[in-house]
Amino acid sequence: MCRNIRQLHNFEPPATSAEVEAAALQYVRKVSGSTRPSKANEEAFAAAVREVAHATQHLLDALTTTAPPKDREVEAAKARARAATRYA
């Protein structure tokens, strides 16, 4: 999985459409091998991002869990601590 794609399920508040689209964009960039498509591929790239975001939102809406929702701030603090250890 691309390091820039973050988990979106089971957070309070739920993932926003902007977060879902950002994850879709990162996925399409990774799969296509380019961060910015050429003019010839721009339409296909944009369509792929829309479709992946749409499928991702459907997935998030359909998932269920009995685990309590995660707190975004706590998870961000854990990620910062891991990064500090990794890059120290």
Protein backbone atom coordinates (compact mmCIF):
# COMPACT_ATOMS: atom_id res chain seq x y z
CA MET A 1 0.00 0.00 0.00
CA CYS A 2 1.16 3.50 -0.73
CA ARG A 3 2.42 5.20 2.42
CA ASN A 4 0.37 8.31 1.68
CA ILE A 5 -2.94 6.46 1.71
CA ARG A 6 -4.37 6.52 5.21
CA GLN A 7 -6.94 4.29 6.83
CA LEU A 8 -10.36 5.90 6.55
CA HIS A 9 -12.63 3.37 8.26
CA ASN A 10 -13.86 3.60 11.85
CA PHE A 11 -12.95 7.16 12.73
CA GLU A 12 -15.00 9.73 14.56
CA PRO A 13 -15.92 11.92 12.77
CA PRO A 14 -16.19 9.77 9.63
CA ALA A 15 -13.92 10.35 6.65
CA THR A 16 -14.87 13.34 4.54
CA SER A 17 -15.35 13.23 0.80
CA ALA A 18 -12.11 15.23 0.47
CA GLU A 19 -10.21 12.52 2.37
CA VAL A 20 -11.76 9.81 0.21
CA GLU A 21 -10.84 11.70 -2.97
CA ALA A 22 -7.27 12.31 -1.74
CA ALA A 23 -6.84 8.58 -1.10
CA ALA A 24 -8.28 7.80 -4.54
CA LEU A 25 -5.87 10.26 -6.15
CA GLN A 26 -2.90 8.67 -4.36
CA TYR A 27 -4.03 5.21 -5.45
CA VAL A 28 -4.42 6.21 -9.10
CA ARG A 29 -1.03 7.96 -9.02
CA LYS A 30 0.59 4.83 -7.62
CA VAL A 31 -1.06 2.47 -10.09
CA SER A 32 -0.44 4.69 -13.13
CA GLY A 33 3.14 5.47 -12.16
CA SER A 34 2.75 9.22 -12.62
CA THR A 35 1.87 12.07 -10.33
CA ARG A 36 0.61 14.25 -13.14
CA PRO A 37 -0.85 12.74 -16.32
CA SER A 38 -0.07 14.01 -19.80
CA LYS A 39 -2.73 16.00 -21.64
CA ALA A 40 -3.59 12.85 -23.62
CA ASN A 41 -4.23 10.87 -20.41
CA GLU A 42 -5.78 13.64 -18.29
CA GLU A 43 -9.39 12.57 -18.90
CA ALA A 44 -8.73 8.89 -18.16
CA PHE A 45 -6.78 9.83 -15.01
CA ALA A 46 -9.58 12.08 -13.72
CA ALA A 47 -12.22 9.44 -14.51
CA ALA A 48 -10.22 6.80 -12.65
CA VAL A 49 -9.93 9.06 -9.58
CA ARG A 50 -13.71 9.65 -9.61
CA GLU A 51 -14.48 5.94 -9.96
CA VAL A 52 -12.04 4.87 -7.22
CA ALA A 53 -13.39 7.57 -4.88
CA HIS A 54 -16.95 6.42 -5.60
CA ALA A 55 -16.08 2.76 -4.93
CA THR A 56 -14.18 3.72 -1.78
CA GLN A 57 -17.12 5.70 -0.42
CA HIS A 58 -19.45 2.74 -1.07
CA LEU A 59 -17.02 0.46 0.75
CA LEU A 60 -16.76 2.77 3.76
CA ASP A 61 -20.55 3.10 3.90
CA ALA A 62 -21.00 -0.70 3.84
CA LEU A 63 -18.35 -1.65 6.41
CA THR A 64 -19.47 -2.44 9.95
CA THR A 65 -17.50 -2.99 13.12
CA THR A 66 -18.04 -3.54 16.81
CA ALA A 67 -14.79 -1.76 17.71
CA PRO A 68 -15.11 1.73 19.15
CA PRO A 69 -14.30 4.55 16.70
CA LYS A 70 -10.71 5.78 16.67
CA ASP A 71 -9.82 9.32 17.63
CA ARG A 72 -8.03 11.18 14.81
CA GLU A 73 -5.81 13.15 17.17
CA VAL A 74 -4.66 10.06 19.07
CA GLU A 75 -3.88 8.22 15.83
CA ALA A 76 -1.99 11.26 14.49
CA ALA A 77 0.08 11.41 17.68
CA LYS A 78 0.93 7.70 17.32
CA ALA A 79 2.00 8.29 13.71
CA ARG A 80 4.21 11.22 14.73
CA ALA A 81 5.82 9.09 17.44
CA ARG A 82 6.52 6.29 14.94
CA ALA A 83 8.01 8.80 12.48
CA ALA A 84 10.19 10.34 15.18
CA THR A 85 11.53 6.89 16.07
CA ARG A 86 12.02 5.92 12.43
CA TYR A 87 13.81 9.11 11.37
CA ALA A 88 15.69 9.86 14.61
